[in-house]
Structure formats: C-alpha cells, structure tokens
Amino acid sequence: MLYLIAGTNRAVKLESDDVHRLESDTKKPVEEMDEEELVEAMERLGIRSISLTDEEKQLVLVVCPYCGHKNEQGITKCEKCGASV
C-alpha cells in the first residue's frame, strides 16, 4: 500500500499487515499520521518501508490544502492556485 506522509511531499510503501499493525498500535489511520509519528511507530514495531518503483513515484500526488488541486510529488507550489504545498 502506498501512502503520502501527512505534511510532506513524500510517500511510503508498506505491506497491508504492517499498515494494520501501525494503525492498531497508534489508534490512528496511517494517512493521518505525520512523519514523526509514522517513523516512531515503524521503529517501535520493527517495520521497514518498501522501496517505491519509478512508476509508483509518478503516481504519488500532493493535494493542495487550499484549492484541492492534485499536484505531482516534489512540487513546492500548487500548479493551479500558486499556494505553497
């Protein structure tokens, strides 16, 4: 499963079982965890992320918090409204 890390332009790929372990441990959906929470929980549970393929890197989109436009990963300003993402 591929997840965008909340508050960042980065993504993490995890096995489904690991997602369930993380959510059970933190009592929070993975997609709502910020980077610090996710990293701490993964370290505590001994979970390692899976490397993204080049194709998966292209699939990751960053949603602008202001206008909702879906931007490509790595972009710093929204292509539609110009806000920092």
PDB file of N, CA and C in Angstrom:
ATOM      1  N   MET A   1       0.851  -1.174   0.000  1.00  0.00           N
ATOM      2  CA  MET A   1       0.000   0.000   0.000  1.00  0.00           C
ATOM      3  C   MET A   1       0.894   1.234   0.000  1.00  0.00           C
ATOM      4  N   LEU A   2       0.494   2.230  -0.737  1.00  0.00           N
ATOM      5  CA  LEU A   2       1.264   3.447  -0.906  1.00  0.00           C
ATOM      6  C   LEU A   2       0.560   4.587  -0.185  1.00  0.00           C
ATOM      7  N   TYR A   3       1.283   5.309   0.683  1.00  0.00           N
ATOM      8  CA  TYR A   3       0.699   6.402   1.451  1.00  0.00           C
ATOM      9  C   TYR A   3       1.552   7.646   1.343  1.00  0.00           C
ATOM     10  N   LEU A   4       0.915   8.790   1.183  1.00  0.00           N
ATOM     11  CA  LEU A   4       1.605  10.058   1.254  1.00  0.00           C
ATOM     12  C   LEU A   4       1.748  10.393   2.731  1.00  0.00           C
ATOM     13  N   ILE A   5       2.940  10.799   3.157  1.00  0.00           N
ATOM     14  CA  ILE A   5       3.162  11.143   4.559  1.00  0.00           C
ATOM     15  C   ILE A   5       2.561  12.520   4.809  1.00  0.00           C
ATOM     16  N   ALA A   6       1.686  12.601   5.791  1.00  0.00           N
ATOM     17  CA  ALA A   6       0.986  13.848   6.097  1.00  0.00           C
ATOM     18  C   ALA A   6       1.975  14.985   6.332  1.00  0.00           C
ATOM     19  N   GLY A   7       1.687  16.125   5.732  1.00  0.00           N
ATOM     20  CA  GLY A   7       2.511  17.304   5.928  1.00  0.00           C
ATOM     21  C   GLY A   7       3.808  17.317   5.139  1.00  0.00           C
ATOM     22  N   THR A   8       3.999  16.345   4.248  1.00  0.00           N
ATOM     23  CA  THR A   8       5.221  16.290   3.439  1.00  0.00           C
ATOM     24  C   THR A   8       4.861  16.023   1.987  1.00  0.00           C
ATOM     25  N   ASN A   9       5.867  16.028   1.147  1.00  0.00           N
ATOM     26  CA  ASN A   9       5.691  15.659  -0.253  1.00  0.00           C
ATOM     27  C   ASN A   9       6.279  14.285  -0.504  1.00  0.00           C
ATOM     28  N   ARG A  10       6.382  13.474   0.528  1.00  0.00           N
ATOM     29  CA  ARG A  10       6.989  12.153   0.405  1.00  0.00           C
ATOM     30  C   ARG A  10       5.953  11.067   0.645  1.00  0.00           C
ATOM     31  N   ALA A  11       6.260   9.899   0.114  1.00  0.00           N
ATOM     32  CA  ALA A  11       5.365   8.756   0.256  1.00  0.00           C
ATOM     33  C   ALA A  11       6.121   7.586   0.856  1.00  0.00           C
ATOM     34  N   VAL A  12       5.369   6.673   1.440  1.00  0.00           N
ATOM     35  CA  VAL A  12       5.933   5.451   1.999  1.00  0.00           C
ATOM     36  C   VAL A  12       5.094   4.284   1.497  1.00  0.00           C
ATOM     37  N   LYS A  13       5.756   3.186   1.204  1.00  0.00           N
ATOM     38  CA  LYS A  13       5.072   1.976   0.741  1.00  0.00           C
ATOM     39  C   LYS A  13       5.195   0.932   1.847  1.00  0.00           C
ATOM     40  N   LEU A  14       4.049   0.358   2.234  1.00  0.00           N
ATOM     41  CA  LEU A  14       4.002  -0.599   3.336  1.00  0.00           C
ATOM     42  C   LEU A  14       3.182  -1.820   2.956  1.00  0.00           C
ATOM     43  N   GLU A  15       3.516  -2.940   3.567  1.00  0.00           N
ATOM     44  CA  GLU A  15       2.700  -4.148   3.433  1.00  0.00           C
ATOM     45  C   GLU A  15       1.375  -3.906   4.160  1.00  0.00           C
ATOM     46  N   SER A  16       0.305  -4.526   3.687  1.00  0.00           N
ATOM     47  CA  SER A  16      -1.019  -4.370   4.313  1.00  0.00           C
ATOM     48  C   SER A  16      -0.999  -4.763   5.782  1.00  0.00           C
ATOM     49  N   ASP A  17      -0.322  -5.862   6.107  1.00  0.00           N
ATOM     50  CA  ASP A  17      -0.240  -6.303   7.505  1.00  0.00           C
ATOM     51  C   ASP A  17       0.444  -5.258   8.376  1.00  0.00           C
ATOM     52  N   ASP A  18       1.479  -4.603   7.825  1.00  0.00           N
ATOM     53  CA  ASP A  18       2.184  -3.573   8.584  1.00  0.00           C
ATOM     54  C   ASP A  18       1.305  -2.347   8.804  1.00  0.00           C
ATOM     55  N   VAL A  19       0.485  -2.013   7.817  1.00  0.00           N
ATOM     56  CA  VAL A  19      -0.451  -0.895   7.971  1.00  0.00           C
ATOM     57  C   VAL A  19      -1.399  -1.184   9.130  1.00  0.00           C
ATOM     58  N   HIS A  20      -1.929  -2.393   9.179  1.00  0.00           N
ATOM     59  CA  HIS A  20      -2.851  -2.770  10.261  1.00  0.00           C
ATOM     60  C   HIS A  20      -2.148  -2.733  11.615  1.00  0.00           C
ATOM     61  N   ARG A  21      -0.906  -3.185  11.671  1.00  0.00           N
ATOM     62  CA  ARG A  21      -0.141  -3.144  12.929  1.00  0.00           C
ATOM     63  C   ARG A  21       0.076  -1.704  13.386  1.00  0.00           C
ATOM     64  N   LEU A  22       0.439  -0.836  12.455  1.00  0.00           N
ATOM     65  CA  LEU A  22       0.657   0.577  12.789  1.00  0.00           C
ATOM     66  C   LEU A  22      -0.620   1.230  13.299  1.00  0.00           C
ATOM     67  N   GLU A  23      -1.721   0.991  12.603  1.00  0.00           N
ATOM     68  CA  GLU A  23      -2.991   1.603  12.995  1.00  0.00           C
ATOM     69  C   GLU A  23      -3.489   1.060  14.327  1.00  0.00           C
ATOM     70  N   SER A  24      -3.258  -0.210  14.577  1.00  0.00           N
ATOM     71  CA  SER A  24      -3.646  -0.806  15.854  1.00  0.00           C
ATOM     72  C   SER A  24      -2.810  -0.224  16.995  1.00  0.00           C
ATOM     73  N   ASP A  25      -1.530  -0.045  16.740  1.00  0.00           N
ATOM     74  CA  ASP A  25      -0.619   0.473  17.762  1.00  0.00           C
ATOM     75  C   ASP A  25      -0.896   1.936  18.087  1.00  0.00           C
ATOM     76  N   THR A  26      -1.125   2.741  17.057  1.00  0.00           N
ATOM     77  CA  THR A  26      -1.284   4.187  17.255  1.00  0.00           C
ATOM     78  C   THR A  26      -2.734   4.631  17.421  1.00  0.00           C
ATOM     79  N   LYS A  27      -3.669   3.735  17.112  1.00  0.00           N
ATOM     80  CA  LYS A  27      -5.107   4.068  17.159  1.00  0.00           C
ATOM     81  C   LYS A  27      -5.429   5.223  16.209  1.00  0.00           C
ATOM     82  N   LYS A  28      -4.711   5.240  15.059  1.00  0.00           N
ATOM     83  CA  LYS A  28      -4.864   6.332  14.104  1.00  0.00           C
ATOM     84  C   LYS A  28      -4.608   5.788  12.703  1.00  0.00           C
ATOM     85  N   PRO A  29      -5.395   6.212  11.699  1.00  0.00           N
ATOM     86  CA  PRO A  29      -5.127   5.774  10.327  1.00  0.00           C
ATOM     87  C   PRO A  29      -3.750   6.252   9.861  1.00  0.00           C
ATOM     88  N   VAL A  30      -3.044   5.421   9.119  1.00  0.00           N
ATOM     89  CA  VAL A  30      -1.704   5.758   8.642  1.00  0.00           C
ATOM     90  C   VAL A  30      -1.710   7.071   7.873  1.00  0.00           C
ATOM     91  N   GLU A  31      -2.726   7.292   7.040  1.00  0.00           N
ATOM     92  CA  GLU A  31      -2.753   8.501   6.222  1.00  0.00           C
ATOM     93  C   GLU A  31      -2.913   9.779   7.035  1.00  0.00           C
ATOM     94  N   GLU A  32      -3.265   9.670   8.318  1.00  0.00           N
ATOM     95  CA  GLU A  32      -3.395  10.844   9.178  1.00  0.00           C
ATOM     96  C   GLU A  32      -2.178  11.064  10.065  1.00  0.00           C
ATOM     97  N   MET A  33      -1.213  10.144  10.035  1.00  0.00           N
ATOM     98  CA  MET A  33      -0.011  10.279  10.854  1.00  0.00           C
ATOM     99  C   MET A  33       0.956  11.252  10.202  1.00  0.00           C
ATOM    100  N   ASP A  34       1.588  12.101  11.040  1.00  0.00           N
ATOM    101  CA  ASP A  34       2.641  12.937  10.476  1.00  0.00           C
ATOM    102  C   ASP A  34       3.924  12.105  10.416  1.00  0.00           C
ATOM    103  N   GLU A  35       4.958  12.666   9.817  1.00  0.00           N
ATOM    104  CA  GLU A  35       6.185  11.906   9.589  1.00  0.00           C
ATOM    105  C   GLU A  35       6.794  11.388  10.890  1.00  0.00           C
ATOM    106  N   GLU A  36       6.835  12.216  11.922  1.00  0.00           N
ATOM    107  CA  GLU A  36       7.426  11.814  13.197  1.00  0.00           C
ATOM    108  C   GLU A  36       6.664  10.643  13.812  1.00  0.00           C
ATOM    109  N   GLU A  37       5.342  10.725  13.833  1.00  0.00           N
ATOM    110  CA  GLU A  37       4.524   9.635  14.384  1.00  0.00           C
ATOM    111  C   GLU A  37       4.762   8.337  13.627  1.00  0.00           C
ATOM    112  N   LEU A  38       4.771   8.441  12.302  1.00  0.00           N
ATOM    113  CA  LEU A  38       4.932   7.256  11.468  1.00  0.00           C
ATOM    114  C   LEU A  38       6.297   6.613  11.678  1.00  0.00           C
ATOM    115  N   VAL A  39       7.350   7.420  11.661  1.00  0.00           N
ATOM    116  CA  VAL A  39       8.707   6.892  11.836  1.00  0.00           C
ATOM    117  C   VAL A  39       8.866   6.253  13.212  1.00  0.00           C
ATOM    118  N   GLU A  40       8.382   6.916  14.258  1.00  0.00           N
ATOM    119  CA  GLU A  40       8.483   6.363  15.615  1.00  0.00           C
ATOM    120  C   GLU A  40       7.754   5.027  15.727  1.00  0.00           C
ATOM    121  N   ALA A  41       6.543   4.958  15.194  1.00  0.00           N
ATOM    122  CA  ALA A  41       5.763   3.719  15.266  1.00  0.00           C
ATOM    123  C   ALA A  41       6.427   2.610  14.456  1.00  0.00           C
ATOM    124  N   MET A  42       6.943   2.945  13.280  1.00  0.00           N
ATOM    125  CA  MET A  42       7.616   1.938  12.454  1.00  0.00           C
ATOM    126  C   MET A  42       8.853   1.401  13.165  1.00  0.00           C
ATOM    127  N   GLU A  43       9.633   2.288  13.787  1.00  0.00           N
ATOM    128  CA  GLU A  43      10.822   1.845  14.526  1.00  0.00           C
ATOM    129  C   GLU A  43      10.431   0.981  15.716  1.00  0.00           C
ATOM    130  N   ARG A  44       9.418   1.407  16.453  1.00  0.00           N
ATOM    131  CA  ARG A  44       8.970   0.676  17.640  1.00  0.00           C
ATOM    132  C   ARG A  44       8.508  -0.736  17.282  1.00  0.00           C
ATOM    133  N   LEU A  45       7.850  -0.864  16.126  1.00  0.00           N
ATOM    134  CA  LEU A  45       7.305  -2.154  15.706  1.00  0.00           C
ATOM    135  C   LEU A  45       8.241  -2.934  14.781  1.00  0.00           C
ATOM    136  N   GLY A  46       9.395  -2.358  14.462  1.00  0.00           N
ATOM    137  CA  GLY A  46      10.345  -3.037  13.579  1.00  0.00           C
ATOM    138  C   GLY A  46       9.865  -3.147  12.144  1.00  0.00           C
ATOM    139  N   ILE A  47       9.125  -2.153  11.681  1.00  0.00           N
ATOM    140  CA  ILE A  47       8.574  -2.156  10.321  1.00  0.00           C
ATOM    141  C   ILE A  47       9.474  -1.327   9.412  1.00  0.00           C
ATOM    142  N   ARG A  48       9.774  -1.885   8.256  1.00  0.00           N
ATOM    143  CA  ARG A  48      10.565  -1.167   7.246  1.00  0.00           C
ATOM    144  C   ARG A  48       9.687  -0.898   6.031  1.00  0.00           C
ATOM    145  N   SER A  49       9.880   0.272   5.445  1.00  0.00           N
ATOM    146  CA  SER A  49       9.114   0.590   4.239  1.00  0.00           C
ATOM    147  C   SER A  49       9.711  -0.141   3.046  1.00  0.00           C
ATOM    148  N   ILE A  50       8.918  -0.281   2.011  1.00  0.00           N
ATOM    149  CA  ILE A  50       9.320  -0.939   0.771  1.00  0.00           C
ATOM    150  C   ILE A  50       9.707   0.160  -0.215  1.00  0.00           C
ATOM    151  N   SER A  51      10.765  -0.054  -0.970  1.00  0.00           N
ATOM    152  CA  SER A  51      11.203   0.939  -1.959  1.00  0.00           C
ATOM    153  C   SER A  51      10.130   1.146  -3.021  1.00  0.00           C
ATOM    154  N   LEU A  52       9.918   2.407  -3.388  1.00  0.00           N
ATOM    155  CA  LEU A  52       8.967   2.732  -4.442  1.00  0.00           C
ATOM    156  C   LEU A  52       9.599   2.473  -5.802  1.00  0.00           C
ATOM    157  N   THR A  53       8.810   1.950  -6.719  1.00  0.00           N
ATOM    158  CA  THR A  53       9.277   1.808  -8.098  1.00  0.00           C
ATOM    159  C   THR A  53       9.181   3.176  -8.769  1.00  0.00           C
ATOM    160  N   ASP A  54       9.844   3.343  -9.894  1.00  0.00           N
ATOM    161  CA  ASP A  54       9.755   4.607 -10.631  1.00  0.00           C
ATOM    162  C   ASP A  54       8.312   4.908 -11.024  1.00  0.00           C
ATOM    163  N   GLU A  55       7.563   3.866 -11.391  1.00  0.00           N
ATOM    164  CA  GLU A  55       6.152   4.049 -11.762  1.00  0.00           C
ATOM    165  C   GLU A  55       5.332   4.548 -10.575  1.00  0.00           C
ATOM    166  N   GLU A  56       5.585   3.981  -9.386  1.00  0.00           N
ATOM    167  CA  GLU A  56       4.845   4.403  -8.195  1.00  0.00           C
ATOM    168  C   GLU A  56       5.183   5.841  -7.824  1.00  0.00           C
ATOM    169  N   LYS A  57       6.433   6.230  -8.000  1.00  0.00           N
ATOM    170  CA  LYS A  57       6.811   7.612  -7.703  1.00  0.00           C
ATOM    171  C   LYS A  57       6.013   8.582  -8.567  1.00  0.00           C
ATOM    172  N   GLN A  58       5.709   8.182  -9.785  1.00  0.00           N
ATOM    173  CA  GLN A  58       4.927   9.024 -10.686  1.00  0.00           C
ATOM    174  C   GLN A  58       3.462   9.103 -10.264  1.00  0.00           C
ATOM    175  N   LEU A  59       2.977   8.083  -9.543  1.00  0.00           N
ATOM    176  CA  LEU A  59       1.573   8.029  -9.137  1.00  0.00           C
ATOM    177  C   LEU A  59       1.253   8.914  -7.945  1.00  0.00           C
ATOM    178  N   VAL A  60       2.266   9.238  -7.148  1.00  0.00           N
ATOM    179  CA  VAL A  60       2.042   9.988  -5.919  1.00  0.00           C
ATOM    180  C   VAL A  60       1.705  11.435  -6.262  1.00  0.00           C
ATOM    181  N   LEU A  61       0.566  11.885  -5.772  1.00  0.00           N
ATOM    182  CA  LEU A  61       0.115  13.253  -5.999  1.00  0.00           C
ATOM    183  C   LEU A  61      -0.029  13.966  -4.664  1.00  0.00           C
ATOM    184  N   VAL A  62       0.258  15.248  -4.663  1.00  0.00           N
ATOM    185  CA  VAL A  62       0.115  16.073  -3.475  1.00  0.00           C
ATOM    186  C   VAL A  62      -1.123  16.935  -3.673  1.00  0.00           C
ATOM    187  N   VAL A  63      -2.075  16.826  -2.751  1.00  0.00           N
ATOM    188  CA  VAL A  63      -3.311  17.601  -2.846  1.00  0.00           C
ATOM    189  C   VAL A  63      -3.103  18.949  -2.159  1.00  0.00           C
ATOM    190  N   CYS A  64      -3.376  20.019  -2.887  1.00  0.00           N
ATOM    191  CA  CYS A  64      -3.243  21.370  -2.339  1.00  0.00           C
ATOM    192  C   CYS A  64      -4.272  21.560  -1.219  1.00  0.00           C
ATOM    193  N   PRO A  65      -3.826  21.998  -0.041  1.00  0.00           N
ATOM    194  CA  PRO A  65      -4.764  22.193   1.068  1.00  0.00           C
ATOM    195  C   PRO A  65      -5.686  23.394   0.869  1.00  0.00           C
ATOM    196  N   TYR A  66      -5.389  24.240  -0.112  1.00  0.00           N
ATOM    197  CA  TYR A  66      -6.182  25.442  -0.340  1.00  0.00           C
ATOM    198  C   TYR A  66      -7.248  25.261  -1.415  1.00  0.00           C
ATOM    199  N   CYS A  67      -6.859  24.658  -2.557  1.00  0.00           N
ATOM    200  CA  CYS A  67      -7.827  24.550  -3.656  1.00  0.00           C
ATOM    201  C   CYS A  67      -8.175  23.104  -4.019  1.00  0.00           C
ATOM    202  N   GLY A  68      -7.441  22.127  -3.460  1.00  0.00           N
ATOM    203  CA  GLY A  68      -7.744  20.725  -3.726  1.00  0.00           C
ATOM    204  C   GLY A  68      -7.136  20.172  -5.002  1.00  0.00           C
ATOM    205  N   HIS A  69      -6.378  20.990  -5.733  1.00  0.00           N
ATOM    206  CA  HIS A  69      -5.745  20.521  -6.977  1.00  0.00           C
ATOM    207  C   HIS A  69      -4.712  19.438  -6.662  1.00  0.00           C
ATOM    208  N   LYS A  70      -4.649  18.421  -7.517  1.00  0.00           N
ATOM    209  CA  LYS A  70      -3.688  17.331  -7.348  1.00  0.00           C
ATOM    210  C   LYS A  70      -2.427  17.658  -8.138  1.00  0.00           C
ATOM    211  N   ASN A  71      -1.327  17.845  -7.408  1.00  0.00           N
ATOM    212  CA  ASN A  71      -0.039  18.197  -7.991  1.00  0.00           C
ATOM    213  C   ASN A  71       0.903  17.003  -7.944  1.00  0.00           C
ATOM    214  N   GLU A  72       1.893  16.981  -8.829  1.00  0.00           N
ATOM    215  CA  GLU A  72       2.884  15.917  -8.815  1.00  0.00           C
ATOM    216  C   GLU A  72       3.772  16.043  -7.586  1.00  0.00           C
ATOM    217  N   GLN A  73       4.295  14.905  -7.120  1.00  0.00           N
ATOM    218  CA  GLN A  73       5.178  14.871  -5.966  1.00  0.00           C
ATOM    219  C   GLN A  73       6.430  15.694  -6.249  1.00  0.00           C
ATOM    220  N   GLY A  74       6.929  16.395  -5.232  1.00  0.00           N
ATOM    221  CA  GLY A  74       8.152  17.158  -5.353  1.00  0.00           C
ATOM    222  C   GLY A  74       7.942  18.619  -5.705  1.00  0.00           C
ATOM    223  N   ILE A  75       6.727  18.973  -6.078  1.00  0.00           N
ATOM    224  CA  ILE A  75       6.424  20.358  -6.430  1.00  0.00           C
ATOM    225  C   ILE A  75       6.270  21.163  -5.136  1.00  0.00           C
ATOM    226  N   THR A  76       6.680  22.426  -5.148  1.00  0.00           N
ATOM    227  CA  THR A  76       6.595  23.236  -3.933  1.00  0.00           C
ATOM    228  C   THR A  76       5.431  24.219  -3.949  1.00  0.00           C
ATOM    229  N   LYS A  77       4.939  24.537  -5.147  1.00  0.00           N
ATOM    230  CA  LYS A  77       3.793  25.445  -5.273  1.00  0.00           C
ATOM    231  C   LYS A  77       2.713  24.780  -6.110  1.00  0.00           C
ATOM    232  N   CYS A  78       1.464  24.984  -5.711  1.00  0.00           N
ATOM    233  CA  CYS A  78       0.329  24.414  -6.435  1.00  0.00           C
ATOM    234  C   CYS A  78       0.305  24.941  -7.865  1.00  0.00           C
ATOM    235  N   GLU A  79       0.123  24.029  -8.801  1.00  0.00           N
ATOM    236  CA  GLU A  79       0.070  24.406 -10.218  1.00  0.00           C
ATOM    237  C   GLU A  79      -1.168  25.229 -10.551  1.00  0.00           C
ATOM    238  N   LYS A  80      -2.224  25.090  -9.739  1.00  0.00           N
ATOM    239  CA  LYS A  80      -3.482  25.782 -10.027  1.00  0.00           C
ATOM    240  C   LYS A  80      -3.562  27.153  -9.344  1.00  0.00           C
ATOM    241  N   CYS A  81      -3.308  27.186  -8.020  1.00  0.00           N
ATOM    242  CA  CYS A  81      -3.512  28.445  -7.292  1.00  0.00           C
ATOM    243  C   CYS A  81      -2.216  29.118  -6.844  1.00  0.00           C
ATOM    244  N   GLY A  82      -1.082  28.411  -6.950  1.00  0.00           N
ATOM    245  CA  GLY A  82       0.205  29.002  -6.588  1.00  0.00           C
ATOM    246  C   GLY A  82       0.555  28.944  -5.114  1.00  0.00           C
ATOM    247  N   ALA A  83      -0.316  28.376  -4.290  1.00  0.00           N
ATOM    248  CA  ALA A  83      -0.045  28.274  -2.854  1.00  0.00           C
ATOM    249  C   ALA A  83       1.088  27.282  -2.596  1.00  0.00           C
ATOM    250  N   SER A  84       1.813  27.488  -1.511  1.00  0.00           N
ATOM    251  CA  SER A  84       2.861  26.547  -1.115  1.00  0.00           C
ATOM    252  C   SER A  84       2.226  25.255  -0.635  1.00  0.00           C
ATOM    253  N   VAL A  85       2.757  24.132  -1.130  1.00  0.00           N
ATOM    254  CA  VAL A  85       2.234  22.818  -0.716  1.00  0.00           C
ATOM    255  C   VAL A  85       3.312  22.008  -0.035  1.00  0.00           C
TER     256      VAL A  85
END
